[in-house]
Amino acid sequence: MRNQKGEATLFCVLILVALSGLLTLCALELQYSFGLLKKRTHLILCVKETKGELHRYLKHMGRLNWLIKNTTRAQAVAVFFPPLWPHVANAFKLKKLAKTFQAAATPLYFNKVRDLKKRGCPIDPRIYLNPYELGSDYGFKRTLDGAARIRKTKWTYHFLEKPYFLTLNVDAAEAEALYPKVEYRVEEKLETLSSLLSSR
């Protein structure tokens, strides 16, 4: 009789140990899943904020480039109309002012990007390469009509926070307008650092 009670107690203890082990495993799995969700959310928010800062910068630069180009065209037309000659000097001032605004926008943009980096955002180092070519004319290389020269109209940034990997594709082909249009496409992959490095 005592043996049966002892066996029953031992069996209950074993079941309790097994159940507590299972609960511990479930808790660890939940903790791991929560950690992954937190990382993914952080990465998505970082990409969203980086995209927002980039979008504001590209829109600002695009509008000013549009203004500079159209002012240059207006100056060229004014040459053939003597009554407009007195206004040519104003066009030069307007272009100079637009270039000054472009020069001021760049450090502000990079300060915002640096702030995101300080807050732990895994920023692609290529984001520090300005989308516009730097030079000596108010901080930029410029086209014949005075607009800041964009490096390319399409490019990609990579954001990695293991095991998540996001790419931000930028299409700025229509950025230089009174109402600039910049398109973005974000793609998400599960990636490891080793496989990312080996694919380059």
C-alpha atoms as a PDB file:
ATOM      1  CA  MET A   1       0.000   0.000   0.000  1.00  0.00           C
ATOM      2  CA  ARG A   2       2.806   2.377   0.939  1.00  0.00           C
ATOM      3  CA  ASN A   3       4.624   1.483  -2.289  1.00  0.00           C
ATOM      4  CA  GLN A   4       1.543   2.379  -4.319  1.00  0.00           C
ATOM      5  CA  LYS A   5       1.194   5.739  -2.525  1.00  0.00           C
ATOM      6  CA  GLY A   6       4.914   6.411  -3.027  1.00  0.00           C
ATOM      7  CA  GLU A   7       4.679   5.560  -6.724  1.00  0.00           C
ATOM      8  CA  ALA A   8       1.608   7.776  -7.144  1.00  0.00           C
ATOM      9  CA  THR A   9       3.384  10.666  -5.382  1.00  0.00           C
ATOM     10  CA  LEU A  10       6.499  10.153  -7.516  1.00  0.00           C
ATOM     11  CA  PHE A  11       4.360  10.054 -10.655  1.00  0.00           C
ATOM     12  CA  CYS A  12       2.631  13.320  -9.649  1.00  0.00           C
ATOM     13  CA  VAL A  13       5.992  14.956  -8.929  1.00  0.00           C
ATOM     14  CA  LEU A  14       7.315  13.846 -12.332  1.00  0.00           C
ATOM     15  CA  ILE A  15       4.207  15.233 -14.061  1.00  0.00           C
ATOM     16  CA  LEU A  16       4.618  18.536 -12.178  1.00  0.00           C
ATOM     17  CA  VAL A  17       8.325  18.723 -13.161  1.00  0.00           C
ATOM     18  CA  ALA A  18       7.444  17.974 -16.795  1.00  0.00           C
ATOM     19  CA  LEU A  19       4.662  20.600 -16.770  1.00  0.00           C
ATOM     20  CA  SER A  20       6.923  23.236 -15.188  1.00  0.00           C
ATOM     21  CA  GLY A  21       9.601  22.437 -17.785  1.00  0.00           C
ATOM     22  CA  LEU A  22       7.040  22.816 -20.555  1.00  0.00           C
ATOM     23  CA  LEU A  23       5.790  26.104 -19.076  1.00  0.00           C
ATOM     24  CA  THR A  24       9.385  27.358 -18.815  1.00  0.00           C
ATOM     25  CA  LEU A  25       9.999  26.445 -22.464  1.00  0.00           C
ATOM     26  CA  CYS A  26       6.781  28.226 -23.479  1.00  0.00           C
ATOM     27  CA  ALA A  27       7.791  31.300 -21.477  1.00  0.00           C
ATOM     28  CA  LEU A  28      11.251  31.318 -23.096  1.00  0.00           C
ATOM     29  CA  GLU A  29       9.701  30.940 -26.564  1.00  0.00           C
ATOM     30  CA  LEU A  30       7.291  33.821 -25.860  1.00  0.00           C
ATOM     31  CA  GLN A  31      10.155  35.953 -24.565  1.00  0.00           C
ATOM     32  CA  TYR A  32      12.205  35.189 -27.714  1.00  0.00           C
ATOM     33  CA  SER A  33       9.225  35.970 -29.978  1.00  0.00           C
ATOM     34  CA  PHE A  34       8.582  39.213 -28.103  1.00  0.00           C
ATOM     35  CA  GLY A  35      12.266  40.157 -28.501  1.00  0.00           C
ATOM     36  CA  LEU A  36      12.041  39.531 -32.260  1.00  0.00           C
ATOM     37  CA  LEU A  37       8.830  41.541 -32.529  1.00  0.00           C
ATOM     38  CA  LYS A  38      10.464  44.405 -30.633  1.00  0.00           C
ATOM     39  CA  LYS A  39      13.486  44.346 -32.976  1.00  0.00           C
ATOM     40  CA  ARG A  40      11.281  44.269 -36.074  1.00  0.00           C
ATOM     41  CA  THR A  41       9.109  47.134 -34.806  1.00  0.00           C
ATOM     42  CA  HIS A  42      12.209  49.187 -33.978  1.00  0.00           C
ATOM     43  CA  LEU A  43      13.678  48.558 -37.434  1.00  0.00           C
ATOM     44  CA  ILE A  44      10.439  49.469 -39.221  1.00  0.00           C
ATOM     45  CA  LEU A  45      10.130  52.700 -37.208  1.00  0.00           C
ATOM     46  CA  CYS A  46      13.756  53.559 -38.002  1.00  0.00           C
ATOM     47  CA  VAL A  47      13.174  53.051 -41.723  1.00  0.00           C
ATOM     48  CA  LYS A  48       9.982  55.119 -41.537  1.00  0.00           C
ATOM     49  CA  GLU A  49      11.703  58.021 -39.753  1.00  0.00           C
ATOM     50  CA  THR A  50      14.762  57.892 -42.041  1.00  0.00           C
ATOM     51  CA  LYS A  51      12.479  57.890 -45.087  1.00  0.00           C
ATOM     52  CA  GLY A  52      10.598  60.878 -43.661  1.00  0.00           C
ATOM     53  CA  GLU A  53      13.775  62.930 -43.201  1.00  0.00           C
ATOM     54  CA  LEU A  54      15.053  61.961 -46.645  1.00  0.00           C
ATOM     55  CA  HIS A  55      11.691  62.818 -48.213  1.00  0.00           C
ATOM     56  CA  ARG A  56      11.632  66.280 -46.644  1.00  0.00           C
ATOM     57  CA  TYR A  57      15.198  66.929 -47.836  1.00  0.00           C
ATOM     58  CA  LEU A  58      14.581  65.715 -51.411  1.00  0.00           C
ATOM     59  CA  LYS A  59      11.342  67.735 -51.676  1.00  0.00           C
ATOM     60  CA  HIS A  60      13.074  70.862 -50.413  1.00  0.00           C
ATOM     61  CA  MET A  61      16.032  70.430 -52.778  1.00  0.00           C
ATOM     62  CA  GLY A  62      13.764  69.504 -55.700  1.00  0.00           C
ATOM     63  CA  ARG A  63      11.561  72.579 -55.338  1.00  0.00           C
ATOM     64  CA  LEU A  64      14.589  74.867 -55.105  1.00  0.00           C
ATOM     65  CA  ASN A  65      16.166  73.185 -58.153  1.00  0.00           C
ATOM     66  CA  TRP A  66      12.894  73.731 -60.039  1.00  0.00           C
ATOM     67  CA  LEU A  67      12.966  77.415 -59.033  1.00  0.00           C
ATOM     68  CA  ILE A  68      16.614  77.826 -60.091  1.00  0.00           C
ATOM     69  CA  LYS A  69      16.038  76.129 -63.477  1.00  0.00           C
ATOM     70  CA  ASN A  70      12.927  78.166 -64.272  1.00  0.00           C
ATOM     71  CA  THR A  71      14.565  81.413 -63.168  1.00  0.00           C
ATOM     72  CA  THR A  72      17.480  80.632 -65.521  1.00  0.00           C
ATOM     73  CA  ARG A  73      14.986  80.058 -68.363  1.00  0.00           C
ATOM     74  CA  ALA A  74      13.213  83.319 -67.542  1.00  0.00           C
ATOM     75  CA  GLN A  75      16.556  85.145 -67.628  1.00  0.00           C
ATOM     76  CA  ALA A  76      17.297  83.690 -71.056  1.00  0.00           C
ATOM     77  CA  VAL A  77      13.903  84.875 -72.363  1.00  0.00           C
ATOM     78  CA  ALA A  78      14.304  88.318 -70.768  1.00  0.00           C
ATOM     79  CA  VAL A  79      17.425  88.955 -72.891  1.00  0.00           C
ATOM     80  CA  PHE A  80      15.160  89.311 -75.965  1.00  0.00           C
ATOM     81  CA  PHE A  81      12.732  91.732 -74.282  1.00  0.00           C
ATOM     82  CA  PRO A  82      14.385  95.050 -73.276  1.00  0.00           C
ATOM     83  CA  PRO A  83      11.517  96.026 -70.915  1.00  0.00           C
ATOM     84  CA  LEU A  84      12.405  92.939 -68.803  1.00  0.00           C
ATOM     85  CA  TRP A  85      16.129  93.783 -68.506  1.00  0.00           C
ATOM     86  CA  PRO A  86      15.759  95.607 -65.168  1.00  0.00           C
ATOM     87  CA  HIS A  87      14.296  92.391 -63.665  1.00  0.00           C
ATOM     88  CA  VAL A  88      17.268  90.212 -64.644  1.00  0.00           C
ATOM     89  CA  ALA A  89      19.153  91.428 -61.546  1.00  0.00           C
ATOM     90  CA  ASN A  90      16.228  90.282 -59.381  1.00  0.00           C
ATOM     91  CA  ALA A  91      16.435  86.844 -61.010  1.00  0.00           C
ATOM     92  CA  PHE A  92      20.126  86.611 -60.020  1.00  0.00           C
ATOM     93  CA  LYS A  93      19.203  87.494 -56.430  1.00  0.00           C
ATOM     94  CA  LEU A  94      16.420  84.901 -56.414  1.00  0.00           C
ATOM     95  CA  LYS A  95      18.783  82.170 -57.633  1.00  0.00           C
ATOM     96  CA  LYS A  96      21.386  83.162 -55.061  1.00  0.00           C
ATOM     97  CA  LEU A  97      18.764  82.985 -52.302  1.00  0.00           C
ATOM     98  CA  ALA A  98      17.583  79.547 -53.508  1.00  0.00           C
ATOM     99  CA  LYS A  99      21.182  78.255 -53.496  1.00  0.00           C
ATOM    100  CA  THR A 100      21.646  79.617 -49.957  1.00  0.00           C
ATOM    101  CA  PHE A 101      18.553  77.701 -48.808  1.00  0.00           C
ATOM    102  CA  GLN A 102      19.944  74.525 -50.419  1.00  0.00           C
ATOM    103  CA  ALA A 103      23.274  74.980 -48.634  1.00  0.00           C
ATOM    104  CA  ALA A 104      21.482  75.457 -45.293  1.00  0.00           C
ATOM    105  CA  ALA A 105      19.219  72.403 -45.754  1.00  0.00           C
ATOM    106  CA  THR A 106      22.071  69.883 -46.024  1.00  0.00           C
ATOM    107  CA  PRO A 107      23.554  70.171 -42.481  1.00  0.00           C
ATOM    108  CA  LEU A 108      20.033  70.163 -41.008  1.00  0.00           C
ATOM    109  CA  TYR A 109      19.235  66.915 -42.838  1.00  0.00           C
ATOM    110  CA  PHE A 110      22.445  65.220 -41.696  1.00  0.00           C
ATOM    111  CA  ASN A 111      21.902  66.361 -38.104  1.00  0.00           C
ATOM    112  CA  LYS A 112      18.504  64.604 -38.154  1.00  0.00           C
ATOM    113  CA  VAL A 113      20.119  61.435 -39.561  1.00  0.00           C
ATOM    114  CA  ARG A 114      22.821  61.551 -36.867  1.00  0.00           C
ATOM    115  CA  ASP A 115      20.107  61.891 -34.200  1.00  0.00           C
ATOM    116  CA  LEU A 116      18.423  58.735 -35.530  1.00  0.00           C
ATOM    117  CA  LYS A 117      21.781  56.917 -35.400  1.00  0.00           C
ATOM    118  CA  LYS A 118      22.313  58.042 -31.787  1.00  0.00           C
ATOM    119  CA  ARG A 119      18.883  56.635 -30.912  1.00  0.00           C
ATOM    120  CA  GLY A 120      20.064  53.199 -32.065  1.00  0.00           C
ATOM    121  CA  CYS A 121      18.737  53.100 -35.622  1.00  0.00           C
ATOM    122  CA  PRO A 122      20.791  50.759 -37.824  1.00  0.00           C
ATOM    123  CA  ILE A 123      21.384  53.385 -40.556  1.00  0.00           C
ATOM    124  CA  ASP A 124      23.006  52.323 -43.816  1.00  0.00           C
ATOM    125  CA  PRO A 125      26.376  54.200 -43.934  1.00  0.00           C
ATOM    126  CA  ARG A 126      25.622  55.144 -47.552  1.00  0.00           C
ATOM    127  CA  ILE A 127      22.918  57.500 -46.296  1.00  0.00           C
ATOM    128  CA  TYR A 128      25.750  59.861 -45.306  1.00  0.00           C
ATOM    129  CA  LEU A 129      26.653  60.121 -48.996  1.00  0.00           C
ATOM    130  CA  ASN A 130      24.524  63.093 -50.002  1.00  0.00           C
ATOM    131  CA  PRO A 131      22.072  62.336 -52.863  1.00  0.00           C
ATOM    132  CA  TYR A 132      23.455  65.493 -54.491  1.00  0.00           C
ATOM    133  CA  GLU A 133      27.063  65.923 -55.645  1.00  0.00           C
ATOM    134  CA  LEU A 134      29.001  68.169 -53.284  1.00  0.00           C
ATOM    135  CA  GLY A 135      31.064  71.010 -54.725  1.00  0.00           C
ATOM    136  CA  SER A 136      32.105  74.639 -54.378  1.00  0.00           C
ATOM    137  CA  ASP A 137      28.979  76.421 -55.690  1.00  0.00           C
ATOM    138  CA  TYR A 138      27.005  76.902 -52.455  1.00  0.00           C
ATOM    139  CA  GLY A 139      28.060  73.409 -51.401  1.00  0.00           C
ATOM    140  CA  PHE A 140      27.110  71.563 -54.611  1.00  0.00           C
ATOM    141  CA  LYS A 141      28.212  70.765 -58.123  1.00  0.00           C
ATOM    142  CA  ARG A 142      25.659  72.328 -60.437  1.00  0.00           C
ATOM    143  CA  THR A 143      24.208  71.845 -63.907  1.00  0.00           C
ATOM    144  CA  LEU A 144      24.519  74.571 -66.573  1.00  0.00           C
ATOM    145  CA  ASP A 145      21.232  76.095 -65.435  1.00  0.00           C
ATOM    146  CA  GLY A 146      22.442  76.275 -61.817  1.00  0.00           C
ATOM    147  CA  ALA A 147      20.527  73.361 -60.240  1.00  0.00           C
ATOM    148  CA  ALA A 148      22.265  71.135 -57.692  1.00  0.00           C
ATOM    149  CA  ARG A 149      23.355  67.977 -59.521  1.00  0.00           C
ATOM    150  CA  ILE A 150      21.771  64.768 -58.236  1.00  0.00           C
ATOM    151  CA  ARG A 151      24.076  61.706 -58.191  1.00  0.00           C
ATOM    152  CA  LYS A 152      21.450  59.280 -59.526  1.00  0.00           C
ATOM    153  CA  THR A 153      17.699  59.202 -59.719  1.00  0.00           C
ATOM    154  CA  LYS A 154      17.343  55.689 -58.255  1.00  0.00           C
ATOM    155  CA  TRP A 155      19.188  54.108 -55.355  1.00  0.00           C
ATOM    156  CA  THR A 156      18.779  51.699 -52.418  1.00  0.00           C
ATOM    157  CA  TYR A 157      19.531  51.817 -48.689  1.00  0.00           C
ATOM    158  CA  HIS A 158      19.885  48.693 -46.494  1.00  0.00           C
ATOM    159  CA  PHE A 159      18.820  48.428 -42.840  1.00  0.00           C
ATOM    160  CA  LEU A 160      19.917  45.368 -40.846  1.00  0.00           C
ATOM    161  CA  GLU A 161      18.941  44.406 -37.329  1.00  0.00           C
ATOM    162  CA  LYS A 162      19.452  40.657 -37.097  1.00  0.00           C
ATOM    163  CA  PRO A 163      17.531  38.637 -38.080  1.00  0.00           C
ATOM    164  CA  TYR A 164      15.606  41.337 -40.018  1.00  0.00           C
ATOM    165  CA  PHE A 165      16.822  43.053 -43.149  1.00  0.00           C
ATOM    166  CA  LEU A 166      14.917  45.867 -44.880  1.00  0.00           C
ATOM    167  CA  THR A 167      15.733  47.632 -48.115  1.00  0.00           C
ATOM    168  CA  LEU A 168      14.491  51.113 -48.951  1.00  0.00           C
ATOM    169  CA  ASN A 169      14.384  51.729 -52.718  1.00  0.00           C
ATOM    170  CA  VAL A 170      14.232  55.402 -53.696  1.00  0.00           C
ATOM    171  CA  ASP A 171      13.078  56.744 -57.070  1.00  0.00           C
ATOM    172  CA  ALA A 172      13.710  60.497 -57.291  1.00  0.00           C
ATOM    173  CA  ALA A 173      13.300  60.804 -61.075  1.00  0.00           C
ATOM    174  CA  GLU A 174      10.474  63.334 -60.591  1.00  0.00           C
ATOM    175  CA  ALA A 175      11.876  65.144 -57.553  1.00  0.00           C
ATOM    176  CA  GLU A 176      12.574  68.416 -59.366  1.00  0.00           C
ATOM    177  CA  ALA A 177       9.164  70.004 -59.668  1.00  0.00           C
ATOM    178  CA  LEU A 178       7.005  72.576 -57.956  1.00  0.00           C
ATOM    179  CA  TYR A 179       5.214  69.574 -56.422  1.00  0.00           C
ATOM    180  CA  PRO A 180       8.030  66.988 -56.194  1.00  0.00           C
ATOM    181  CA  LYS A 181       7.174  63.306 -56.470  1.00  0.00           C
ATOM    182  CA  VAL A 182       9.528  60.818 -54.853  1.00  0.00           C
ATOM    183  CA  GLU A 183       8.602  57.137 -54.767  1.00  0.00           C
ATOM    184  CA  TYR A 184       9.719  54.641 -52.120  1.00  0.00           C
ATOM    185  CA  ARG A 185       9.464  50.872 -51.904  1.00  0.00           C
ATOM    186  CA  VAL A 186      10.370  48.954 -48.745  1.00  0.00           C
ATOM    187  CA  GLU A 187      11.154  45.231 -48.915  1.00  0.00           C
ATOM    188  CA  GLU A 188      11.590  43.006 -45.878  1.00  0.00           C
ATOM    189  CA  LYS A 189      13.604  39.814 -45.616  1.00  0.00           C
ATOM    190  CA  LEU A 190      14.765  37.551 -42.826  1.00  0.00           C
ATOM    191  CA  GLU A 191      18.518  37.710 -43.184  1.00  0.00           C
ATOM    192  CA  THR A 192      21.704  36.889 -41.324  1.00  0.00           C
ATOM    193  CA  LEU A 193      24.782  39.064 -41.357  1.00  0.00           C
ATOM    194  CA  SER A 194      26.980  36.306 -42.848  1.00  0.00           C
ATOM    195  CA  SER A 195      24.648  35.659 -45.785  1.00  0.00           C
ATOM    196  CA  LEU A 196      24.243  39.410 -46.357  1.00  0.00           C
ATOM    197  CA  LEU A 197      28.004  39.903 -46.518  1.00  0.00           C
ATOM    198  CA  SER A 198      28.532  36.883 -48.760  1.00  0.00           C
ATOM    199  CA  SER A 199      25.960  38.174 -51.267  1.00  0.00           C
ATOM    200  CA  ARG A 200      27.912  41.408 -51.842  1.00  0.00           C
END
